[in-house]
Amino acid sequence: MIMRLSRRLVVLAGLLIVLGTLYAWKTQVLRGSGQAVGHDSASPRGETVAGERGLPMVIDVGRDTCEPCKMMAPLLRELEEEYRGRAIIKVINLDDDPSAASRYGVYLIPTQIFIDASGKEVYRHQGYLSKEAIVSILKDMGVK
């Protein structure tokens, strides 16, 4: 009796893991393709996140304990200096703002979200992203 119950629980847990993984994958594929997943911006509530300055924005969501996040920190600081007045480079530490993960639909860290001047998400990347790649995406967005 107990063996049968534990087998059922293991099967149920496995099924839930598979379903959760499929859902996360489907959501990420839609986001990565540039298709809207319910809203026009990185915020699940659909509000404009570009800010009052109307500048394009790169939002990097991560943690201090994440190795790829640590590797990106100095290059994000450099980009913040280099693009001052032309684009906003915003770093969100989930240790300081845990609700940011759900607010921006982040499932893996680091995640970089590129938002145009009107507040629409135009690109999303998960994992380490080089400075050259970020610069290239910003150029594609029209930032000089």
N, C-alpha and C. Protein backbone atom coordinates (compact mmCIF):
# COMPACT_ATOMS: atom_id res chain seq x y z
N MET A 1 0.82 -1.20 0.00
CA MET A 1 0.00 0.00 0.00
C MET A 1 0.86 1.26 0.00
N ILE A 2 1.84 1.32 0.89
CA ILE A 2 2.71 2.50 0.98
C ILE A 2 3.58 2.61 -0.27
N MET A 3 4.03 1.47 -0.81
CA MET A 3 4.84 1.49 -2.03
C MET A 3 4.04 2.06 -3.20
N ARG A 4 2.78 1.66 -3.31
CA ARG A 4 1.93 2.14 -4.39
C ARG A 4 1.72 3.66 -4.27
N LEU A 5 1.49 4.13 -3.06
CA LEU A 5 1.28 5.55 -2.83
C LEU A 5 2.54 6.35 -3.14
N SER A 6 3.70 5.85 -2.71
CA SER A 6 4.94 6.59 -2.98
C SER A 6 5.26 6.60 -4.48
N ARG A 7 4.96 5.52 -5.19
CA ARG A 7 5.15 5.51 -6.65
C ARG A 7 4.25 6.55 -7.31
N ARG A 8 3.03 6.63 -6.85
CA ARG A 8 2.10 7.61 -7.42
C ARG A 8 2.59 9.03 -7.16
N LEU A 9 3.11 9.27 -5.97
CA LEU A 9 3.63 10.60 -5.65
C LEU A 9 4.84 10.95 -6.51
N VAL A 10 5.71 9.98 -6.75
CA VAL A 10 6.88 10.22 -7.59
C VAL A 10 6.44 10.52 -9.01
N VAL A 11 5.48 9.77 -9.54
CA VAL A 11 4.97 9.99 -10.89
C VAL A 11 4.31 11.38 -10.97
N LEU A 12 3.52 11.74 -9.99
CA LEU A 12 2.86 13.04 -9.96
C LEU A 12 3.89 14.17 -9.91
N ALA A 13 4.91 14.03 -9.06
CA ALA A 13 5.95 15.06 -8.96
C ALA A 13 6.69 15.20 -10.30
N GLY A 14 7.00 14.09 -10.93
CA GLY A 14 7.67 14.13 -12.24
C GLY A 14 6.82 14.82 -13.28
N LEU A 15 5.53 14.52 -13.28
CA LEU A 15 4.61 15.14 -14.23
C LEU A 15 4.54 16.65 -14.01
N LEU A 16 4.47 17.07 -12.76
CA LEU A 16 4.43 18.50 -12.45
C LEU A 16 5.72 19.20 -12.90
N ILE A 17 6.85 18.56 -12.73
CA ILE A 17 8.12 19.14 -13.16
C ILE A 17 8.14 19.28 -14.68
N VAL A 18 7.71 18.26 -15.39
CA VAL A 18 7.68 18.32 -16.85
C VAL A 18 6.75 19.42 -17.32
N LEU A 19 5.57 19.52 -16.74
CA LEU A 19 4.61 20.55 -17.14
C LEU A 19 5.16 21.95 -16.85
N GLY A 20 5.77 22.13 -15.71
CA GLY A 20 6.35 23.42 -15.37
C GLY A 20 7.47 23.80 -16.31
N THR A 21 8.31 22.84 -16.66
CA THR A 21 9.40 23.08 -17.60
C THR A 21 8.87 23.46 -18.97
N LEU A 22 7.86 22.74 -19.44
CA LEU A 22 7.27 23.05 -20.74
C LEU A 22 6.66 24.46 -20.76
N TYR A 23 5.98 24.81 -19.68
CA TYR A 23 5.39 26.15 -19.60
C TYR A 23 6.47 27.23 -19.64
N ALA A 24 7.53 27.04 -18.85
CA ALA A 24 8.62 28.02 -18.82
C ALA A 24 9.29 28.11 -20.18
N TRP A 25 9.50 26.96 -20.84
CA TRP A 25 10.12 26.95 -22.16
C TRP A 25 9.25 27.68 -23.18
N LYS A 26 7.95 27.40 -23.18
CA LYS A 26 7.04 28.03 -24.12
C LYS A 26 7.04 29.55 -23.91
N THR A 27 6.97 29.98 -22.67
CA THR A 27 6.98 31.41 -22.36
C THR A 27 8.27 32.05 -22.84
N GLN A 28 9.41 31.38 -22.60
CA GLN A 28 10.69 31.94 -23.01
C GLN A 28 10.82 31.99 -24.52
N VAL A 29 10.35 30.97 -25.22
CA VAL A 29 10.41 30.95 -26.68
C VAL A 29 9.61 32.12 -27.24
N LEU A 30 8.43 32.37 -26.70
CA LEU A 30 7.62 33.49 -27.18
C LEU A 30 8.30 34.82 -26.89
N ARG A 31 8.88 34.96 -25.69
CA ARG A 31 9.57 36.21 -25.35
C ARG A 31 10.78 36.42 -26.25
N GLY A 32 11.56 35.36 -26.45
CA GLY A 32 12.77 35.46 -27.25
C GLY A 32 12.50 35.75 -28.71
N SER A 33 11.32 35.39 -29.19
CA SER A 33 11.00 35.62 -30.59
C SER A 33 10.51 37.03 -30.85
N GLY A 34 10.37 37.81 -29.77
CA GLY A 34 9.90 39.17 -29.92
C GLY A 34 8.39 39.28 -29.90
N GLN A 35 7.69 38.15 -29.79
CA GLN A 35 6.24 38.19 -29.72
C GLN A 35 5.83 38.62 -28.33
N ALA A 36 4.76 39.34 -28.27
CA ALA A 36 4.26 39.77 -26.96
C ALA A 36 3.68 38.57 -26.24
N VAL A 37 3.92 38.49 -24.95
CA VAL A 37 3.33 37.46 -24.14
C VAL A 37 2.32 38.15 -23.24
N GLY A 38 1.27 38.64 -23.82
CA GLY A 38 0.22 39.27 -23.06
C GLY A 38 0.34 40.78 -22.92
N HIS A 39 1.54 41.33 -23.08
CA HIS A 39 1.73 42.76 -22.86
C HIS A 39 2.80 43.30 -23.80
N ASP A 40 2.87 44.63 -23.93
CA ASP A 40 3.83 45.25 -24.83
C ASP A 40 5.15 45.61 -24.16
N SER A 41 5.26 45.46 -22.87
CA SER A 41 6.51 45.85 -22.22
C SER A 41 7.00 44.72 -21.34
N ALA A 42 8.14 44.94 -20.70
CA ALA A 42 8.72 43.91 -19.84
C ALA A 42 7.89 43.70 -18.58
N SER A 43 7.05 44.62 -18.25
CA SER A 43 6.24 44.50 -17.05
C SER A 43 4.99 43.68 -17.34
N PRO A 44 4.73 42.63 -16.55
CA PRO A 44 3.54 41.83 -16.77
C PRO A 44 2.25 42.63 -16.69
N ARG A 45 2.28 43.76 -16.02
CA ARG A 45 1.07 44.58 -15.91
C ARG A 45 0.88 45.47 -17.13
N GLY A 46 1.87 45.51 -18.01
CA GLY A 46 1.73 46.26 -19.25
C GLY A 46 2.07 47.74 -19.16
N GLU A 47 2.55 48.21 -18.00
CA GLU A 47 2.86 49.63 -17.94
C GLU A 47 4.18 49.91 -18.65
N THR A 48 4.35 51.13 -19.10
CA THR A 48 5.58 51.51 -19.77
C THR A 48 6.69 51.56 -18.73
N VAL A 49 7.82 50.96 -19.06
CA VAL A 49 8.92 50.91 -18.10
C VAL A 49 10.11 51.74 -18.54
N ALA A 50 10.01 52.43 -19.67
CA ALA A 50 11.15 53.20 -20.17
C ALA A 50 11.44 54.41 -19.30
N GLY A 51 10.52 54.79 -18.47
CA GLY A 51 10.78 55.91 -17.58
C GLY A 51 10.36 57.22 -18.19
N GLU A 52 10.45 58.25 -17.37
CA GLU A 52 9.98 59.56 -17.80
C GLU A 52 10.89 60.21 -18.82
N ARG A 53 12.11 59.74 -18.95
CA ARG A 53 13.05 60.36 -19.89
C ARG A 53 12.83 59.91 -21.33
N GLY A 54 12.07 58.85 -21.54
CA GLY A 54 11.79 58.39 -22.89
C GLY A 54 13.02 57.85 -23.60
N LEU A 55 13.97 57.29 -22.86
CA LEU A 55 15.18 56.73 -23.45
C LEU A 55 15.06 55.21 -23.55
N PRO A 56 15.75 54.60 -24.50
CA PRO A 56 15.81 53.14 -24.52
C PRO A 56 16.46 52.66 -23.22
N MET A 57 16.15 51.43 -22.84
CA MET A 57 16.63 50.94 -21.56
C MET A 57 17.08 49.49 -21.67
N VAL A 58 18.13 49.17 -20.93
CA VAL A 58 18.56 47.79 -20.74
C VAL A 58 18.39 47.52 -19.25
N ILE A 59 17.56 46.51 -18.94
CA ILE A 59 17.37 46.11 -17.55
C ILE A 59 18.06 44.77 -17.38
N ASP A 60 19.00 44.71 -16.45
CA ASP A 60 19.70 43.46 -16.14
C ASP A 60 19.20 43.00 -14.78
N VAL A 61 18.64 41.80 -14.73
CA VAL A 61 18.12 41.25 -13.48
C VAL A 61 19.00 40.09 -13.07
N GLY A 62 19.53 40.15 -11.84
CA GLY A 62 20.42 39.09 -11.37
C GLY A 62 20.57 39.13 -9.85
N ARG A 63 21.63 38.50 -9.38
CA ARG A 63 21.96 38.44 -7.95
C ARG A 63 23.47 38.59 -7.77
N ASP A 64 23.87 39.03 -6.60
CA ASP A 64 25.30 39.17 -6.30
C ASP A 64 26.00 37.81 -6.21
N THR A 65 25.26 36.75 -5.96
CA THR A 65 25.85 35.43 -5.79
C THR A 65 25.95 34.64 -7.09
N CYS A 66 25.43 35.18 -8.17
CA CYS A 66 25.41 34.52 -9.47
C CYS A 66 26.71 34.84 -10.22
N GLU A 67 27.46 33.81 -10.62
CA GLU A 67 28.75 34.04 -11.29
C GLU A 67 28.63 34.83 -12.59
N PRO A 68 27.70 34.46 -13.51
CA PRO A 68 27.58 35.28 -14.72
C PRO A 68 27.17 36.72 -14.41
N CYS A 69 26.36 36.91 -13.36
CA CYS A 69 25.96 38.27 -12.96
C CYS A 69 27.18 39.06 -12.50
N LYS A 70 28.06 38.41 -11.74
CA LYS A 70 29.29 39.07 -11.27
C LYS A 70 30.18 39.45 -12.45
N MET A 71 30.22 38.58 -13.47
CA MET A 71 31.04 38.86 -14.65
C MET A 71 30.49 40.04 -15.44
N MET A 72 29.18 40.22 -15.42
CA MET A 72 28.56 41.31 -16.18
C MET A 72 28.61 42.65 -15.46
N ALA A 73 28.74 42.64 -14.15
CA ALA A 73 28.66 43.88 -13.36
C ALA A 73 29.61 44.97 -13.86
N PRO A 74 30.90 44.70 -14.07
CA PRO A 74 31.79 45.79 -14.50
C PRO A 74 31.45 46.31 -15.90
N LEU A 75 31.04 45.43 -16.80
CA LEU A 75 30.72 45.91 -18.15
C LEU A 75 29.43 46.70 -18.16
N LEU A 76 28.49 46.40 -17.28
CA LEU A 76 27.26 47.19 -17.17
C LEU A 76 27.57 48.58 -16.63
N ARG A 77 28.52 48.65 -15.68
CA ARG A 77 28.93 49.97 -15.16
C ARG A 77 29.58 50.80 -16.28
N GLU A 78 30.41 50.14 -17.10
CA GLU A 78 31.04 50.84 -18.23
C GLU A 78 29.97 51.34 -19.20
N LEU A 79 29.02 50.49 -19.52
CA LEU A 79 27.95 50.87 -20.46
C LEU A 79 27.11 52.01 -19.90
N GLU A 80 26.88 51.99 -18.61
CA GLU A 80 26.11 53.07 -17.98
C GLU A 80 26.81 54.41 -18.20
N GLU A 81 28.12 54.43 -18.07
CA GLU A 81 28.89 55.66 -18.30
C GLU A 81 28.87 56.04 -19.78
N GLU A 82 29.14 55.07 -20.64
CA GLU A 82 29.26 55.34 -22.07
C GLU A 82 27.94 55.78 -22.72
N TYR A 83 26.82 55.29 -22.20
CA TYR A 83 25.53 55.59 -22.81
C TYR A 83 24.71 56.60 -22.03
N ARG A 84 25.32 57.24 -21.04
CA ARG A 84 24.61 58.24 -20.25
C ARG A 84 24.00 59.30 -21.17
N GLY A 85 22.70 59.54 -21.00
CA GLY A 85 22.00 60.52 -21.82
C GLY A 85 21.42 59.95 -23.11
N ARG A 86 21.85 58.74 -23.48
CA ARG A 86 21.35 58.11 -24.71
C ARG A 86 20.55 56.85 -24.43
N ALA A 87 20.85 56.18 -23.33
CA ALA A 87 20.14 54.97 -22.93
C ALA A 87 20.29 54.80 -21.42
N ILE A 88 19.35 54.11 -20.85
CA ILE A 88 19.38 53.83 -19.41
C ILE A 88 19.83 52.39 -19.24
N ILE A 89 20.87 52.20 -18.41
CA ILE A 89 21.32 50.85 -18.06
C ILE A 89 20.95 50.65 -16.60
N LYS A 90 20.00 49.75 -16.36
CA LYS A 90 19.48 49.55 -15.01
C LYS A 90 19.79 48.13 -14.55
N VAL A 91 20.40 48.01 -13.39
CA VAL A 91 20.73 46.70 -12.82
C VAL A 91 19.82 46.48 -11.62
N ILE A 92 19.12 45.35 -11.63
CA ILE A 92 18.24 45.02 -10.51
C ILE A 92 18.79 43.78 -9.82
N ASN A 93 19.08 43.91 -8.54
CA ASN A 93 19.57 42.81 -7.74
C ASN A 93 18.36 42.17 -7.04
N LEU A 94 18.11 40.91 -7.32
CA LEU A 94 16.96 40.23 -6.74
C LEU A 94 17.06 40.08 -5.23
N ASP A 95 18.27 40.18 -4.68
CA ASP A 95 18.40 40.15 -3.23
C ASP A 95 17.79 41.41 -2.62
N ASP A 96 17.89 42.53 -3.33
CA ASP A 96 17.33 43.80 -2.87
C ASP A 96 15.87 43.97 -3.26
N ASP A 97 15.48 43.38 -4.40
CA ASP A 97 14.12 43.54 -4.93
C ASP A 97 13.60 42.19 -5.43
N PRO A 98 13.23 41.28 -4.52
CA PRO A 98 12.82 39.93 -4.92
C PRO A 98 11.58 39.91 -5.83
N SER A 99 10.72 40.90 -5.74
CA SER A 99 9.52 40.90 -6.57
C SER A 99 9.80 41.24 -8.03
N ALA A 100 11.03 41.70 -8.32
CA ALA A 100 11.38 42.06 -9.70
C ALA A 100 11.31 40.85 -10.62
N ALA A 101 11.60 39.66 -10.12
CA ALA A 101 11.55 38.47 -10.97
C ALA A 101 10.15 38.27 -11.55
N SER A 102 9.15 38.36 -10.71
CA SER A 102 7.79 38.19 -11.23
C SER A 102 7.34 39.43 -11.99
N ARG A 103 7.77 40.60 -11.55
CA ARG A 103 7.38 41.85 -12.21
C ARG A 103 7.86 41.89 -13.66
N TYR A 104 9.07 41.37 -13.91
CA TYR A 104 9.64 41.40 -15.25
C TYR A 104 9.60 40.04 -15.95
N GLY A 105 8.95 39.05 -15.35
CA GLY A 105 8.85 37.74 -15.98
C GLY A 105 10.19 37.05 -16.14
N VAL A 106 11.03 37.12 -15.12
CA VAL A 106 12.37 36.53 -15.17
C VAL A 106 12.33 35.14 -14.54
N TYR A 107 12.84 34.15 -15.31
CA TYR A 107 12.87 32.76 -14.85
C TYR A 107 14.29 32.28 -14.59
N LEU A 108 15.26 32.86 -15.27
CA LEU A 108 16.66 32.52 -15.11
C LEU A 108 17.46 33.81 -14.98
N ILE A 109 18.58 33.72 -14.25
CA ILE A 109 19.42 34.91 -14.12
C ILE A 109 20.81 34.60 -14.64
N PRO A 110 21.50 35.61 -15.13
CA PRO A 110 20.98 36.95 -15.37
C PRO A 110 20.06 36.98 -16.59
N THR A 111 19.14 37.93 -16.59
CA THR A 111 18.29 38.19 -17.75
C THR A 111 18.44 39.66 -18.10
N GLN A 112 18.65 39.92 -19.40
CA GLN A 112 18.73 41.29 -19.88
C GLN A 112 17.49 41.56 -20.73
N ILE A 113 16.83 42.65 -20.43
CA ILE A 113 15.61 43.04 -21.14
C ILE A 113 15.88 44.37 -21.81
N PHE A 114 15.68 44.41 -23.12
CA PHE A 114 15.92 45.63 -23.91
C PHE A 114 14.58 46.25 -24.24
N ILE A 115 14.43 47.51 -23.88
CA ILE A 115 13.15 48.22 -24.03
C ILE A 115 13.40 49.48 -24.85
N ASP A 116 12.56 49.69 -25.86
CA ASP A 116 12.74 50.89 -26.70
C ASP A 116 12.23 52.13 -25.97
N ALA A 117 12.40 53.28 -26.61
CA ALA A 117 12.05 54.56 -25.98
C ALA A 117 10.57 54.68 -25.67
N SER A 118 9.72 53.92 -26.38
CA SER A 118 8.29 53.98 -26.11
C SER A 118 7.87 53.04 -24.98
N GLY A 119 8.80 52.22 -24.49
CA GLY A 119 8.49 51.32 -23.39
C GLY A 119 8.19 49.90 -23.82
N LYS A 120 8.36 49.58 -25.09
CA LYS A 120 8.07 48.25 -25.60
C LYS A 120 9.32 47.35 -25.54
N GLU A 121 9.15 46.17 -24.99
CA GLU A 121 10.25 45.21 -24.97
C GLU A 121 10.54 44.77 -26.40
N VAL A 122 11.82 44.89 -26.79
CA VAL A 122 12.19 44.50 -28.15
C VAL A 122 13.11 43.29 -28.19
N TYR A 123 13.73 42.96 -27.07
CA TYR A 123 14.64 41.81 -27.04
C TYR A 123 14.84 41.38 -25.60
N ARG A 124 15.06 40.07 -25.41
CA ARG A 124 15.31 39.52 -24.09
C ARG A 124 16.35 38.43 -24.23
N HIS A 125 17.29 38.40 -23.29
CA HIS A 125 18.34 37.39 -23.30
C HIS A 125 18.54 36.85 -21.89
N GLN A 126 18.81 35.54 -21.79
CA GLN A 126 19.10 34.94 -20.49
C GLN A 126 20.53 34.44 -20.49
N GLY A 127 21.24 34.69 -19.40
CA GLY A 127 22.63 34.26 -19.28
C GLY A 127 23.57 35.43 -19.51
N TYR A 128 24.86 35.10 -19.51
CA TYR A 128 25.89 36.12 -19.72
C TYR A 128 25.73 36.71 -21.12
N LEU A 129 25.86 38.01 -21.23
CA LEU A 129 25.82 38.69 -22.51
C LEU A 129 26.99 39.66 -22.55
N SER A 130 27.83 39.53 -23.56
CA SER A 130 29.03 40.35 -23.64
C SER A 130 28.70 41.81 -23.90
N LYS A 131 29.67 42.66 -23.61
CA LYS A 131 29.51 44.09 -23.86
C LYS A 131 29.28 44.34 -25.34
N GLU A 132 30.02 43.63 -26.18
CA GLU A 132 29.89 43.79 -27.63
C GLU A 132 28.47 43.45 -28.09
N ALA A 133 27.91 42.39 -27.54
CA ALA A 133 26.55 41.98 -27.91
C ALA A 133 25.53 43.03 -27.47
N ILE A 134 25.71 43.57 -26.26
CA ILE A 134 24.78 44.60 -25.77
C ILE A 134 24.87 45.83 -26.66
N VAL A 135 26.09 46.24 -27.00
CA VAL A 135 26.29 47.40 -27.87
C VAL A 135 25.63 47.17 -29.22
N SER A 136 25.77 45.97 -29.76
CA SER A 136 25.17 45.63 -31.05
C SER A 136 23.64 45.72 -31.00
N ILE A 137 23.06 45.22 -29.93
CA ILE A 137 21.60 45.28 -29.78
C ILE A 137 21.14 46.73 -29.65
N LEU A 138 21.87 47.51 -28.86
CA LEU A 138 21.54 48.93 -28.72
C LEU A 138 21.62 49.64 -30.07
N LYS A 139 22.63 49.31 -30.87
CA LYS A 139 22.73 49.92 -32.22
C LYS A 139 21.54 49.52 -33.08
N ASP A 140 21.14 48.24 -33.00
CA ASP A 140 19.97 47.78 -33.74
C ASP A 140 18.71 48.52 -33.31
N MET A 141 18.70 48.98 -32.06
CA MET A 141 17.57 49.74 -31.53
C MET A 141 17.66 51.22 -31.92
N GLY A 142 18.74 51.61 -32.60
CA GLY A 142 18.89 53.00 -33.04
C GLY A 142 19.67 53.88 -32.08
N VAL A 143 20.29 53.28 -31.05
CA VAL A 143 21.07 54.06 -30.09
C VAL A 143 22.48 54.20 -30.64
N LYS A 144 22.96 55.43 -30.73
CA LYS A 144 24.31 55.68 -31.27
C LYS A 144 25.30 55.95 -30.19
